[in-house]
C-alpha atoms as a PDB file:
ATOM      1  CA  MET A   1    -219.487 255.265 -73.110  1.00  0.00           C
ATOM      2  CA  ASN A   2    -221.679 252.631 -71.493  1.00  0.00           C
ATOM      3  CA  MET A   3    -221.974 249.400 -73.420  1.00  0.00           C
ATOM      4  CA  ARG A   4    -225.108 247.358 -72.843  1.00  0.00           C
ATOM      5  CA  ALA A   5    -224.566 243.582 -72.838  1.00  0.00           C
ATOM      6  CA  THR A   6    -226.558 241.689 -75.432  1.00  0.00           C
ATOM      7  CA  LEU A   7    -227.522 238.042 -75.538  1.00  0.00           C
ATOM      8  CA  PRO A   8    -226.064 236.024 -78.394  1.00  0.00           C
ATOM      9  CA  THR A   9    -228.411 235.253 -81.242  1.00  0.00           C
ATOM     10  CA  PHE A  10    -228.500 232.017 -83.177  1.00  0.00           C
ATOM     11  CA  GLU A  11    -229.084 231.929 -86.888  1.00  0.00           C
ATOM     12  CA  PRO A  12    -231.096 229.135 -88.521  1.00  0.00           C
ATOM     13  CA  VAL A  13    -227.879 227.796 -89.975  1.00  0.00           C
ATOM     14  CA  ASP A  14    -226.832 226.817 -86.440  1.00  0.00           C
ATOM     15  CA  ALA A  15    -229.526 224.141 -86.403  1.00  0.00           C
ATOM     16  CA  LEU A  16    -228.129 222.685 -89.613  1.00  0.00           C
ATOM     17  CA  ALA A  17    -224.635 222.811 -88.154  1.00  0.00           C
ATOM     18  CA  ALA A  18    -225.814 220.854 -85.086  1.00  0.00           C
ATOM     19  CA  LEU A  19    -227.398 218.256 -87.346  1.00  0.00           C
ATOM     20  CA  CYS A  20    -224.229 217.888 -89.402  1.00  0.00           C
ATOM     21  CA  LYS A  21    -222.113 217.659 -86.253  1.00  0.00           C
ATOM     22  CA  ALA A  22    -224.337 214.957 -84.782  1.00  0.00           C
ATOM     23  CA  GLY A  23    -224.043 212.902 -87.953  1.00  0.00           C
ATOM     24  CA  GLY A  24    -220.286 213.312 -88.154  1.00  0.00           C
ATOM     25  CA  ASP A  25    -219.401 210.485 -85.793  1.00  0.00           C
ATOM     26  CA  SER A  26    -219.536 206.759 -86.570  1.00  0.00           C
ATOM     27  CA  LEU A  27    -220.666 205.754 -83.071  1.00  0.00           C
ATOM     28  CA  ARG A  28    -223.564 208.220 -83.179  1.00  0.00           C
ATOM     29  CA  LEU A  29    -224.600 206.887 -86.595  1.00  0.00           C
ATOM     30  CA  ASN A  30    -224.609 203.375 -85.188  1.00  0.00           C
ATOM     31  CA  VAL A  31    -226.729 204.556 -82.244  1.00  0.00           C
ATOM     32  CA  LEU A  32    -229.276 205.925 -84.718  1.00  0.00           C
ATOM     33  CA  ARG A  33    -229.197 202.625 -86.574  1.00  0.00           C
ATOM     34  CA  ALA A  34    -229.758 200.676 -83.335  1.00  0.00           C
ATOM     35  CA  LEU A  35    -232.716 202.917 -82.471  1.00  0.00           C
ATOM     36  CA  SER A  36    -234.376 202.341 -85.836  1.00  0.00           C
ATOM     37  CA  ASN A  37    -237.196 200.185 -84.405  1.00  0.00           C
ATOM     38  CA  ASP A  38    -236.330 200.070 -80.735  1.00  0.00           C
ATOM     39  CA  SER A  39    -235.929 202.170 -77.622  1.00  0.00           C
ATOM     40  CA  PHE A  40    -233.073 201.738 -75.171  1.00  0.00           C
ATOM     41  CA  GLY A  41    -232.071 203.153 -71.822  1.00  0.00           C
ATOM     42  CA  VAL A  42    -228.699 204.784 -71.234  1.00  0.00           C
ATOM     43  CA  LEU A  43    -227.314 201.723 -69.457  1.00  0.00           C
ATOM     44  CA  GLU A  44    -228.545 199.437 -72.222  1.00  0.00           C
ATOM     45  CA  LEU A  45    -226.866 201.589 -74.865  1.00  0.00           C
ATOM     46  CA  ALA A  46    -223.658 201.641 -72.825  1.00  0.00           C
ATOM     47  CA  GLN A  47    -223.788 197.833 -72.811  1.00  0.00           C
ATOM     48  CA  ILE A  48    -224.582 197.613 -76.526  1.00  0.00           C
ATOM     49  CA  PHE A  49    -221.714 199.868 -77.578  1.00  0.00           C
ATOM     50  CA  ALA A  50    -219.259 198.745 -74.879  1.00  0.00           C
ATOM     51  CA  ILE A  51    -218.690 202.294 -73.668  1.00  0.00           C
ATOM     52  CA  GLY A  52    -218.929 203.952 -70.268  1.00  0.00           C
ATOM     53  CA  GLN A  53    -222.155 205.607 -69.187  1.00  0.00           C
ATOM     54  CA  SER A  54    -220.654 209.102 -69.292  1.00  0.00           C
ATOM     55  CA  GLY A  55    -219.349 208.510 -72.810  1.00  0.00           C
ATOM     56  CA  ILE A  56    -222.648 207.300 -74.240  1.00  0.00           C
ATOM     57  CA  SER A  57    -224.479 210.101 -72.403  1.00  0.00           C
ATOM     58  CA  HIS A  58    -222.304 212.664 -74.197  1.00  0.00           C
ATOM     59  CA  HIS A  59    -223.129 211.204 -77.613  1.00  0.00           C
ATOM     60  CA  LEU A  60    -226.838 211.030 -76.761  1.00  0.00           C
ATOM     61  CA  LYS A  61    -226.775 214.683 -75.697  1.00  0.00           C
ATOM     62  CA  VAL A  62    -225.321 215.667 -79.069  1.00  0.00           C
ATOM     63  CA  LEU A  63    -227.996 213.650 -80.882  1.00  0.00           C
ATOM     64  CA  ALA A  64    -230.734 215.151 -78.728  1.00  0.00           C
ATOM     65  CA  GLN A  65    -229.525 218.712 -79.319  1.00  0.00           C
ATOM     66  CA  ALA A  66    -229.707 218.053 -83.055  1.00  0.00           C
ATOM     67  CA  GLY A  67    -233.262 216.747 -82.719  1.00  0.00           C
ATOM     68  CA  LEU A  68    -232.309 213.265 -83.906  1.00  0.00           C
ATOM     69  CA  VAL A  69    -233.443 211.425 -80.770  1.00  0.00           C
ATOM     70  CA  ALA A  70    -236.334 211.882 -78.380  1.00  0.00           C
ATOM     71  CA  THR A  71    -236.433 210.871 -74.728  1.00  0.00           C
ATOM     72  CA  ARG A  72    -238.899 209.564 -72.220  1.00  0.00           C
ATOM     73  CA  ARG A  73    -238.408 209.122 -68.487  1.00  0.00           C
ATOM     74  CA  GLU A  74    -239.342 205.914 -66.694  1.00  0.00           C
ATOM     75  CA  GLY A  75    -238.785 206.468 -62.998  1.00  0.00           C
ATOM     76  CA  ASN A  76    -235.131 207.396 -62.648  1.00  0.00           C
ATOM     77  CA  ALA A  77    -234.172 206.030 -66.064  1.00  0.00           C
ATOM     78  CA  ILE A  78    -234.186 207.867 -69.390  1.00  0.00           C
ATOM     79  CA  PHE A  79    -234.965 205.954 -72.574  1.00  0.00           C
ATOM     80  CA  TYR A  80    -234.077 207.075 -76.080  1.00  0.00           C
ATOM     81  CA  ARG A  81    -235.809 206.558 -79.412  1.00  0.00           C
ATOM     82  CA  ARG A  82    -235.302 208.042 -82.837  1.00  0.00           C
ATOM     83  CA  ALA A  83    -237.120 211.299 -83.479  1.00  0.00           C
ATOM     84  CA  LEU A  84    -239.213 211.437 -86.636  1.00  0.00           C
ATOM     85  CA  ALA A  85    -238.108 213.801 -89.372  1.00  0.00           C
ATOM     86  CA  HIS A  86    -240.432 216.690 -90.260  1.00  0.00           C
ATOM     87  CA  ASN A  87    -239.706 217.677 -93.836  1.00  0.00           C
ATOM     88  CA  GLU A  88    -241.575 220.967 -93.529  1.00  0.00           C
ATOM     89  CA  GLN A  89    -239.188 222.188 -90.835  1.00  0.00           C
ATOM     90  CA  LEU A  90    -235.694 223.581 -91.293  1.00  0.00           C
ATOM     91  CA  GLY A  91    -233.300 220.659 -91.687  1.00  0.00           C
ATOM     92  CA  GLY A  92    -236.166 218.184 -91.989  1.00  0.00           C
ATOM     93  CA  SER A  93    -235.146 216.885 -95.414  1.00  0.00           C
ATOM     94  CA  LEU A  94    -231.519 216.528 -94.251  1.00  0.00           C
ATOM     95  CA  HIS A  95    -232.724 214.703 -91.127  1.00  0.00           C
ATOM     96  CA  ALA A  96    -234.819 212.302 -93.233  1.00  0.00           C
ATOM     97  CA  ALA A  97    -231.999 211.716 -95.712  1.00  0.00           C
ATOM     98  CA  LEU A  98    -229.540 210.964 -92.903  1.00  0.00           C
ATOM     99  CA  LEU A  99    -231.834 208.339 -91.364  1.00  0.00           C
ATOM    100  CA  GLU A 100    -232.528 206.808 -94.764  1.00  0.00           C
ATOM    101  CA  GLU A 101    -228.815 206.418 -95.445  1.00  0.00           C
ATOM    102  CA  VAL A 102    -228.144 205.110 -91.934  1.00  0.00           C
ATOM    103  CA  ASP A 103    -230.768 202.401 -92.395  1.00  0.00           C
ATOM    104  CA  ARG A 104    -228.939 201.125 -95.463  1.00  0.00           C
ATOM    105  CA  LEU A 105    -225.937 200.253 -93.314  1.00  0.00           C
ATOM    106  CA  PRO A 106    -225.619 196.984 -91.364  1.00  0.00           C
ATOM    107  CA  LEU A 107    -224.684 197.235 -87.723  1.00  0.00           C
ATOM    108  CA  PRO A 108    -221.354 195.667 -86.748  1.00  0.00           C
ATOM    109  CA  THR A 109    -221.717 192.005 -85.826  1.00  0.00           C
ATOM    110  CA  GLU A 110    -220.624 192.561 -82.220  1.00  0.00           C
ATOM    111  CA  VAL A 111    -223.185 195.351 -81.785  1.00  0.00           C
ATOM    112  CA  ARG A 112    -225.977 193.153 -83.120  1.00  0.00           C
ATOM    113  CA  GLY A 113    -224.868 190.458 -80.705  1.00  0.00           C
ATOM    114  CA  ARG A 114    -225.040 192.798 -77.730  1.00  0.00           C
ATOM    115  CA  ILE A 115    -228.482 194.056 -78.818  1.00  0.00           C
ATOM    116  CA  ALA A 116    -229.617 190.424 -78.811  1.00  0.00           C
ATOM    117  CA  GLU A 117    -228.220 190.097 -75.276  1.00  0.00           C
ATOM    118  CA  VAL A 118    -230.247 193.114 -74.119  1.00  0.00           C
ATOM    119  CA  HIS A 119    -233.395 191.676 -75.698  1.00  0.00           C
ATOM    120  CA  SER A 120    -232.672 188.339 -74.034  1.00  0.00           C
ATOM    121  CA  GLN A 121    -232.299 190.057 -70.658  1.00  0.00           C
ATOM    122  CA  ARG A 122    -235.612 191.841 -71.149  1.00  0.00           C
ATOM    123  CA  ALA A 123    -237.362 188.612 -72.128  1.00  0.00           C
ATOM    124  CA  ALA A 124    -235.913 186.780 -69.123  1.00  0.00           C
ATOM    125  CA  ALA A 125    -237.142 189.532 -66.794  1.00  0.00           C
ATOM    126  CA  SER A 126    -240.626 189.245 -68.295  1.00  0.00           C
ATOM    127  CA  GLN A 127    -240.716 185.458 -67.958  1.00  0.00           C
ATOM    128  CA  ASP A 128    -239.492 185.693 -64.374  1.00  0.00           C
ATOM    129  CA  PHE A 129    -242.264 188.170 -63.564  1.00  0.00           C
ATOM    130  CA  PHE A 130    -245.013 185.878 -64.863  1.00  0.00           C
ATOM    131  CA  ALA A 131    -243.517 182.854 -63.128  1.00  0.00           C
ATOM    132  CA  ARG A 132    -243.684 184.724 -59.814  1.00  0.00           C
ATOM    133  CA  CYS A 133    -246.886 186.710 -60.225  1.00  0.00           C
ATOM    134  CA  ALA A 134    -249.257 184.645 -62.371  1.00  0.00           C
ATOM    135  CA  ALA A 135    -251.867 184.313 -59.616  1.00  0.00           C
ATOM    136  CA  SER A 136    -252.040 188.061 -58.940  1.00  0.00           C
ATOM    137  CA  PHE A 137    -251.376 189.319 -62.468  1.00  0.00           C
ATOM    138  CA  GLN A 138    -254.977 189.802 -63.585  1.00  0.00           C
ATOM    139  CA  ALA A 139    -255.828 191.841 -60.499  1.00  0.00           C
ATOM    140  CA  GLN A 140    -252.826 194.078 -61.181  1.00  0.00           C
ATOM    141  CA  GLN A 141    -253.703 194.334 -64.876  1.00  0.00           C
ATOM    142  CA  ASP A 142    -257.241 195.393 -63.984  1.00  0.00           C
ATOM    143  CA  LEU A 143    -255.800 198.412 -62.157  1.00  0.00           C
ATOM    144  CA  ILE A 144    -254.617 199.668 -65.541  1.00  0.00           C
ATOM    145  CA  ALA A 145    -256.819 198.231 -68.276  1.00  0.00           C
ATOM    146  CA  GLY A 146    -258.844 195.087 -67.682  1.00  0.00           C
ATOM    147  CA  LEU A 147    -260.739 193.208 -70.391  1.00  0.00           C
ATOM    148  CA  PRO A 148    -264.157 194.681 -69.423  1.00  0.00           C
ATOM    149  CA  GLN A 149    -262.807 198.137 -70.289  1.00  0.00           C
ATOM    150  CA  TYR A 150    -262.090 197.315 -73.919  1.00  0.00           C
ATOM    151  CA  ARG A 151    -264.081 194.122 -74.615  1.00  0.00           C
ATOM    152  CA  ASP A 152    -267.015 195.848 -76.351  1.00  0.00           C
ATOM    153  CA  SER A 153    -264.760 197.943 -78.602  1.00  0.00           C
ATOM    154  CA  LEU A 154    -262.709 194.911 -79.567  1.00  0.00           C
ATOM    155  CA  LEU A 155    -265.790 192.785 -80.265  1.00  0.00           C
ATOM    156  CA  SER A 156    -267.327 195.559 -82.347  1.00  0.00           C
ATOM    157  CA  LEU A 157    -264.209 195.668 -84.491  1.00  0.00           C
ATOM    158  CA  LEU A 158    -263.927 191.878 -84.653  1.00  0.00           C
ATOM    159  CA  ASP A 159    -267.566 191.395 -85.697  1.00  0.00           C
ATOM    160  CA  SER A 160    -267.294 194.059 -88.395  1.00  0.00           C
ATOM    161  CA  LEU A 161    -264.739 191.867 -90.175  1.00  0.00           C
ATOM    162  CA  ASN A 162    -267.342 189.165 -90.913  1.00  0.00           C
ATOM    163  CA  PHE A 163    -265.154 186.102 -90.616  1.00  0.00           C
ATOM    164  CA  ALA A 164    -266.500 182.932 -92.195  1.00  0.00           C
ATOM    165  CA  ALA A 165    -267.736 180.113 -89.960  1.00  0.00           C
ATOM    166  CA  SER A 166    -264.734 178.020 -90.974  1.00  0.00           C
ATOM    167  CA  ALA A 167    -262.173 180.681 -89.973  1.00  0.00           C
ATOM    168  CA  THR A 168    -259.590 180.042 -87.259  1.00  0.00           C
ATOM    169  CA  ALA A 169    -258.187 182.291 -84.527  1.00  0.00           C
ATOM    170  CA  LEU A 170    -254.945 182.447 -82.584  1.00  0.00           C
ATOM    171  CA  GLU A 171    -254.530 184.370 -79.328  1.00  0.00           C
ATOM    172  CA  ILE A 172    -251.004 185.062 -78.113  1.00  0.00           C
ATOM    173  CA  GLY A 173    -250.674 185.494 -74.349  1.00  0.00           C
ATOM    174  CA  PRO A 174    -254.328 184.889 -73.365  1.00  0.00           C
ATOM    175  CA  GLY A 175    -253.729 185.743 -69.695  1.00  0.00           C
ATOM    176  CA  ASP A 176    -256.373 183.970 -67.642  1.00  0.00           C
ATOM    177  CA  GLY A 177    -258.293 183.104 -70.817  1.00  0.00           C
ATOM    178  CA  GLY A 178    -260.955 185.759 -70.379  1.00  0.00           C
ATOM    179  CA  PHE A 179    -261.318 186.523 -74.090  1.00  0.00           C
ATOM    180  CA  LEU A 180    -261.237 182.911 -75.288  1.00  0.00           C
ATOM    181  CA  PRO A 181    -265.008 182.291 -74.850  1.00  0.00           C
ATOM    182  CA  GLU A 182    -265.667 185.163 -77.287  1.00  0.00           C
ATOM    183  CA  LEU A 183    -263.251 183.726 -79.819  1.00  0.00           C
ATOM    184  CA  ALA A 184    -264.590 180.190 -79.343  1.00  0.00           C
ATOM    185  CA  ARG A 185    -268.106 181.384 -80.249  1.00  0.00           C
ATOM    186  CA  ARG A 186    -266.912 183.101 -83.433  1.00  0.00           C
ATOM    187  CA  PHE A 187    -264.328 180.717 -84.884  1.00  0.00           C
ATOM    188  CA  SER A 188    -264.304 177.043 -85.777  1.00  0.00           C
ATOM    189  CA  HIS A 189    -260.997 176.478 -84.008  1.00  0.00           C
ATOM    190  CA  VAL A 190    -258.994 178.635 -81.602  1.00  0.00           C
ATOM    191  CA  THR A 191    -255.372 178.227 -80.566  1.00  0.00           C
ATOM    192  CA  ALA A 192    -254.123 179.887 -77.367  1.00  0.00           C
ATOM    193  CA  LEU A 193    -250.377 180.159 -76.941  1.00  0.00           C
ATOM    194  CA  ASP A 194    -248.297 181.281 -73.965  1.00  0.00           C
ATOM    195  CA  ASN A 195    -244.672 180.823 -72.901  1.00  0.00           C
ATOM    196  CA  SER A 196    -245.530 180.881 -69.185  1.00  0.00           C
ATOM    197  CA  PRO A 197    -246.617 177.510 -67.698  1.00  0.00           C
ATOM    198  CA  ALA A 198    -248.258 179.297 -64.770  1.00  0.00           C
ATOM    199  CA  MET A 199    -250.314 181.583 -67.009  1.00  0.00           C
ATOM    200  CA  LEU A 200    -251.255 178.737 -69.336  1.00  0.00           C
ATOM    201  CA  GLU A 201    -252.567 176.781 -66.366  1.00  0.00           C
ATOM    202  CA  LEU A 202    -254.956 179.661 -65.610  1.00  0.00           C
ATOM    203  CA  THR A 203    -256.082 179.530 -69.236  1.00  0.00           C
ATOM    204  CA  ARG A 204    -256.614 175.768 -69.004  1.00  0.00           C
ATOM    205  CA  GLN A 205    -258.826 176.210 -65.945  1.00  0.00           C
ATOM    206  CA  ARG A 206    -260.947 178.808 -67.779  1.00  0.00           C
ATOM    207  CA  CYS A 207    -261.359 176.544 -70.811  1.00  0.00           C
ATOM    208  CA  GLN A 208    -262.382 173.625 -68.593  1.00  0.00           C
ATOM    209  CA  GLN A 209    -264.789 175.805 -66.614  1.00  0.00           C
ATOM    210  CA  ASP A 210    -266.482 177.188 -69.752  1.00  0.00           C
ATOM    211  CA  GLY A 211    -266.378 173.954 -71.735  1.00  0.00           C
ATOM    212  CA  LEU A 212    -264.391 175.437 -74.623  1.00  0.00           C
ATOM    213  CA  ASP A 213    -263.974 172.250 -76.655  1.00  0.00           C
ATOM    214  CA  ASN A 214    -262.699 174.021 -79.784  1.00  0.00           C
ATOM    215  CA  VAL A 215    -259.800 175.750 -77.996  1.00  0.00           C
ATOM    216  CA  GLU A 216    -256.341 174.197 -78.144  1.00  0.00           C
ATOM    217  CA  LEU A 217    -253.612 175.306 -75.716  1.00  0.00           C
ATOM    218  CA  HIS A 218    -249.893 175.379 -76.450  1.00  0.00           C
ATOM    219  CA  LEU A 219    -246.922 176.144 -74.218  1.00  0.00           C
ATOM    220  CA  ALA A 220    -244.638 177.803 -76.761  1.00  0.00           C
ATOM    221  CA  ASP A 221    -242.568 180.830 -77.664  1.00  0.00           C
ATOM    222  CA  ALA A 222    -244.619 182.916 -80.088  1.00  0.00           C
ATOM    223  CA  LEU A 223    -241.537 184.147 -81.942  1.00  0.00           C
ATOM    224  CA  HIS A 224    -239.460 180.992 -82.243  1.00  0.00           C
ATOM    225  CA  ASP A 225    -241.580 177.859 -81.917  1.00  0.00           C
ATOM    226  CA  ASP A 226    -243.620 176.315 -84.706  1.00  0.00           C
ATOM    227  CA  TYR A 227    -247.422 176.555 -84.662  1.00  0.00           C
ATOM    228  CA  PRO A 228    -250.202 176.939 -87.266  1.00  0.00           C
ATOM    229  CA  ALA A 229    -251.138 180.232 -88.896  1.00  0.00           C
ATOM    230  CA  ALA A 230    -254.679 181.562 -88.391  1.00  0.00           C
ATOM    231  CA  ASP A 231    -257.214 183.810 -90.093  1.00  0.00           C
ATOM    232  CA  CYS A 232    -257.295 186.094 -87.067  1.00  0.00           C
ATOM    233  CA  LEU A 233    -254.407 186.666 -84.672  1.00  0.00           C
ATOM    234  CA  VAL A 234    -255.204 188.480 -81.418  1.00  0.00           C
ATOM    235  CA  LEU A 235    -252.825 190.291 -79.048  1.00  0.00           C
ATOM    236  CA  ASN A 236    -254.624 191.718 -76.025  1.00  0.00           C
ATOM    237  CA  MET A 237    -252.332 193.758 -73.759  1.00  0.00           C
ATOM    238  CA  VAL A 238    -249.413 191.566 -74.811  1.00  0.00           C
ATOM    239  CA  LEU A 239    -247.205 193.529 -77.202  1.00  0.00           C
ATOM    240  CA  HIS A 240    -245.771 195.670 -74.383  1.00  0.00           C
ATOM    241  CA  HIS A 241    -244.349 192.462 -72.868  1.00  0.00           C
ATOM    242  CA  PHE A 242    -242.175 191.734 -75.930  1.00  0.00           C
ATOM    243  CA  ALA A 243    -238.530 192.719 -75.702  1.00  0.00           C
ATOM    244  CA  ALA A 244    -238.495 194.042 -79.306  1.00  0.00           C
ATOM    245  CA  PRO A 245    -242.080 194.808 -80.452  1.00  0.00           C
ATOM    246  CA  ALA A 246    -241.189 195.842 -84.025  1.00  0.00           C
ATOM    247  CA  GLU A 247    -239.354 192.585 -84.642  1.00  0.00           C
ATOM    248  CA  ALA A 248    -242.145 190.678 -82.897  1.00  0.00           C
ATOM    249  CA  LEU A 249    -244.703 192.101 -85.346  1.00  0.00           C
ATOM    250  CA  LYS A 250    -242.590 190.900 -88.270  1.00  0.00           C
ATOM    251  CA  GLN A 251    -242.559 187.387 -86.851  1.00  0.00           C
ATOM    252  CA  LEU A 252    -246.245 187.361 -85.901  1.00  0.00           C
ATOM    253  CA  ALA A 253    -247.370 188.731 -89.269  1.00  0.00           C
ATOM    254  CA  ARG A 254    -246.167 185.465 -90.796  1.00  0.00           C
ATOM    255  CA  ARG A 255    -248.755 183.663 -88.673  1.00  0.00           C
ATOM    256  CA  VAL A 256    -251.644 185.595 -90.239  1.00  0.00           C
ATOM    257  CA  LYS A 257    -253.117 183.762 -93.218  1.00  0.00           C
ATOM    258  CA  PRO A 258    -253.447 185.651 -96.543  1.00  0.00           C
ATOM    259  CA  GLY A 259    -256.506 187.856 -96.296  1.00  0.00           C
ATOM    260  CA  GLY A 260    -256.519 187.525 -92.518  1.00  0.00           C
ATOM    261  CA  SER A 261    -256.284 190.059 -89.706  1.00  0.00           C
ATOM    262  CA  LEU A 262    -254.053 190.977 -86.790  1.00  0.00           C
ATOM    263  CA  LEU A 263    -255.923 192.628 -83.906  1.00  0.00           C
ATOM    264  CA  ILE A 264    -253.873 194.464 -81.299  1.00  0.00           C
ATOM    265  CA  THR A 265    -255.218 195.955 -78.104  1.00  0.00           C
ATOM    266  CA  ASP A 266    -252.638 197.865 -76.120  1.00  0.00           C
ATOM    267  CA  LEU A 267    -251.994 201.050 -74.232  1.00  0.00           C
ATOM    268  CA  CYS A 268    -251.138 204.314 -75.888  1.00  0.00           C
ATOM    269  CA  SER A 269    -247.790 205.728 -74.832  1.00  0.00           C
ATOM    270  CA  HIS A 270    -247.831 206.849 -71.180  1.00  0.00           C
ATOM    271  CA  ASN A 271    -245.405 207.799 -68.412  1.00  0.00           C
ATOM    272  CA  GLN A 272    -246.789 205.820 -65.461  1.00  0.00           C
ATOM    273  CA  SER A 273    -243.686 203.769 -64.783  1.00  0.00           C
ATOM    274  CA  TRP A 274    -245.243 201.900 -61.833  1.00  0.00           C
ATOM    275  CA  ALA A 275    -246.854 199.658 -64.480  1.00  0.00           C
ATOM    276  CA  LYS A 276    -243.469 198.009 -64.989  1.00  0.00           C
ATOM    277  CA  GLN A 277    -243.311 196.816 -61.406  1.00  0.00           C
ATOM    278  CA  ALA A 278    -247.018 196.031 -61.059  1.00  0.00           C
ATOM    279  CA  CYS A 279    -247.580 194.205 -64.351  1.00  0.00           C
ATOM    280  CA  GLY A 280    -244.125 193.390 -65.665  1.00  0.00           C
ATOM    281  CA  ASP A 281    -244.537 195.739 -68.636  1.00  0.00           C
ATOM    282  CA  LEU A 282    -241.385 196.168 -70.706  1.00  0.00           C
ATOM    283  CA  TRP A 283    -242.857 199.108 -72.647  1.00  0.00           C
ATOM    284  CA  LEU A 284    -245.028 201.949 -71.396  1.00  0.00           C
ATOM    285  CA  GLY A 285    -247.509 201.715 -74.231  1.00  0.00           C
ATOM    286  CA  PHE A 286    -246.887 202.689 -77.843  1.00  0.00           C
ATOM    287  CA  GLU A 287    -247.192 205.692 -80.101  1.00  0.00           C
ATOM    288  CA  GLN A 288    -249.965 205.117 -82.629  1.00  0.00           C
ATOM    289  CA  ASP A 289    -247.669 206.013 -85.528  1.00  0.00           C
ATOM    290  CA  ASP A 290    -245.045 203.519 -84.360  1.00  0.00           C
ATOM    291  CA  LEU A 291    -247.484 200.604 -84.421  1.00  0.00           C
ATOM    292  CA  ALA A 292    -248.609 201.539 -87.926  1.00  0.00           C
ATOM    293  CA  ARG A 293    -245.025 201.932 -89.148  1.00  0.00           C
ATOM    294  CA  TRP A 294    -243.965 198.584 -87.664  1.00  0.00           C
ATOM    295  CA  ALA A 295    -247.007 196.844 -89.142  1.00  0.00           C
ATOM    296  CA  VAL A 296    -246.281 198.204 -92.620  1.00  0.00           C
ATOM    297  CA  ALA A 297    -242.670 197.012 -92.287  1.00  0.00           C
ATOM    298  CA  ALA A 298    -244.100 193.578 -91.433  1.00  0.00           C
ATOM    299  CA  GLY A 299    -246.133 193.532 -94.658  1.00  0.00           C
ATOM    300  CA  LEU A 300    -249.494 194.403 -93.081  1.00  0.00           C
ATOM    301  CA  THR A 301    -251.933 197.178 -93.952  1.00  0.00           C
ATOM    302  CA  PRO A 302    -253.223 199.495 -91.184  1.00  0.00           C
ATOM    303  CA  SER A 303    -257.013 199.559 -91.093  1.00  0.00           C
ATOM    304  CA  GLU A 304    -259.570 200.387 -88.386  1.00  0.00           C
ATOM    305  CA  SER A 305    -258.515 202.006 -85.123  1.00  0.00           C
ATOM    306  CA  LEU A 306    -260.584 202.582 -81.991  1.00  0.00           C
ATOM    307  CA  TYR A 307    -259.464 204.486 -78.903  1.00  0.00           C
ATOM    308  CA  VAL A 308    -260.845 204.136 -75.399  1.00  0.00           C
ATOM    309  CA  GLY A 309    -260.029 206.742 -72.748  1.00  0.00           C
ATOM    310  CA  LEU A 310    -259.890 205.517 -69.158  1.00  0.00           C
ATOM    311  CA  ARG A 311    -260.505 207.472 -65.963  1.00  0.00           C
ATOM    312  CA  ASN A 312    -257.121 206.496 -64.547  1.00  0.00           C
ATOM    313  CA  GLY A 313    -255.315 208.482 -67.250  1.00  0.00           C
ATOM    314  CA  PHE A 314    -254.525 205.569 -69.546  1.00  0.00           C
ATOM    315  CA  GLN A 315    -255.789 205.316 -73.106  1.00  0.00           C
ATOM    316  CA  ILE A 316    -256.332 202.037 -74.953  1.00  0.00           C
ATOM    317  CA  GLN A 317    -255.847 201.614 -78.677  1.00  0.00           C
ATOM    318  CA  VAL A 318    -257.666 198.808 -80.498  1.00  0.00           C
ATOM    319  CA  ARG A 319    -255.994 198.343 -83.876  1.00  0.00           C
ATOM    320  CA  HIS A 320    -256.741 196.245 -86.941  1.00  0.00           C
ATOM    321  CA  PHE A 321    -253.975 195.357 -89.395  1.00  0.00           C
ATOM    322  CA  ALA A 322    -254.826 193.325 -92.483  1.00  0.00           C
ATOM    323  CA  ASN A 323    -252.764 190.849 -94.459  1.00  0.00           C
ATOM    324  CA  PRO A 324    -253.572 192.314 -97.902  1.00  0.00           C
ATOM    325  CA  HIS A 325    -254.380 189.174 -99.854  1.00  0.00           C
ATOM    326  CA  GLU A 326    -257.624 187.443-100.747  1.00  0.00           C
ATOM    327  CA  ASN A 327    -258.727 184.532 -98.615  1.00  0.00           C
ATOM    328  CA  SER A 328    -261.933 182.543 -98.103  1.00  0.00           C
ATOM    329  CA  GLY A 329    -261.633 183.048 -94.338  1.00  0.00           C
ATOM    330  CA  LEU A 330    -263.188 186.499 -94.767  1.00  0.00           C
ATOM    331  CA  ARG A 331    -266.596 187.053 -96.323  1.00  0.00           C
ATOM    332  CA  ALA A 332    -266.166 190.822 -96.578  1.00  0.00           C
ATOM    333  CA  THR A 333    -263.408 193.381 -96.658  1.00  0.00           C
ATOM    334  CA  VAL A 334    -263.700 196.342 -94.327  1.00  0.00           C
ATOM    335  CA  SER A 335    -261.673 199.479 -94.959  1.00  0.00           C
ATOM    336  CA  GLY A 336    -261.305 202.878 -93.371  1.00  0.00           C
ATOM    337  CA  THR A 337    -260.426 204.226 -89.977  1.00  0.00           C
ATOM    338  CA  GLN A 338    -262.791 205.116 -87.166  1.00  0.00           C
END
């Protein structure tokens, strides 16, 4: 009697089994904890967990098969981030519960130390880029998303917030200072802060050229040095240069006065890895949900969002996050999402 070969079938319970298997290893749980608000490449994770590349790749494969991590490719490198749980799907509630429990656990001290080393290496690479390429940076940035491409959207959002005449503004990483004249016209005092002497010199030249007497420049680290809080904090195409954006938002939120606003203009997530070499980007844009989640964790409230599609395939997101407290720096409160 002829027997016809049949392909094996997988029952839904197999997906649950894969999820349970993935969560049944302490190293994999620590990987999920490390990926809570960050994304790392395979080599970075091998460094963080002091394990060979083949070993960490095996654990990442198990996590990926269980749907616990998602990947993105940047050139020849693969980066990993935590996948969001979908409660309506099979295993979704178990997935969410696992991540919730994982986030209650502190990472081992040595792991946290090695994560700090990776962030330090990223930051050093970014500073080195701007030291070498300050003069040509704006031309490279314009190939992706220059100020003229999002200026009107950003100003529309900024003006809708109706800041009082006495309000102050702070711009982190002003580039060549192109947006400072707009801020100087709208705020009583503006602080521009950069950690690159070469970039800050370009800003100084712009301020001198345009006679911006109410703009004060500081050479400082936005996350570690001391500087005044402001009613409006602006990050234009800057967040993707931070080694750890989620942690950066927590630090920067403290520089927004009660009742004030954080305005972020950045790229939506993309896969054009040449931007890293051309513009020194550490991150290839951001998922909209990630920015909102990080802002909420920083104590801010997501508000208006505008999106600008570009012909070169990039998309810009202009986001407003509010510090939810009353303050005389704002004459009106704007709510809703566009």
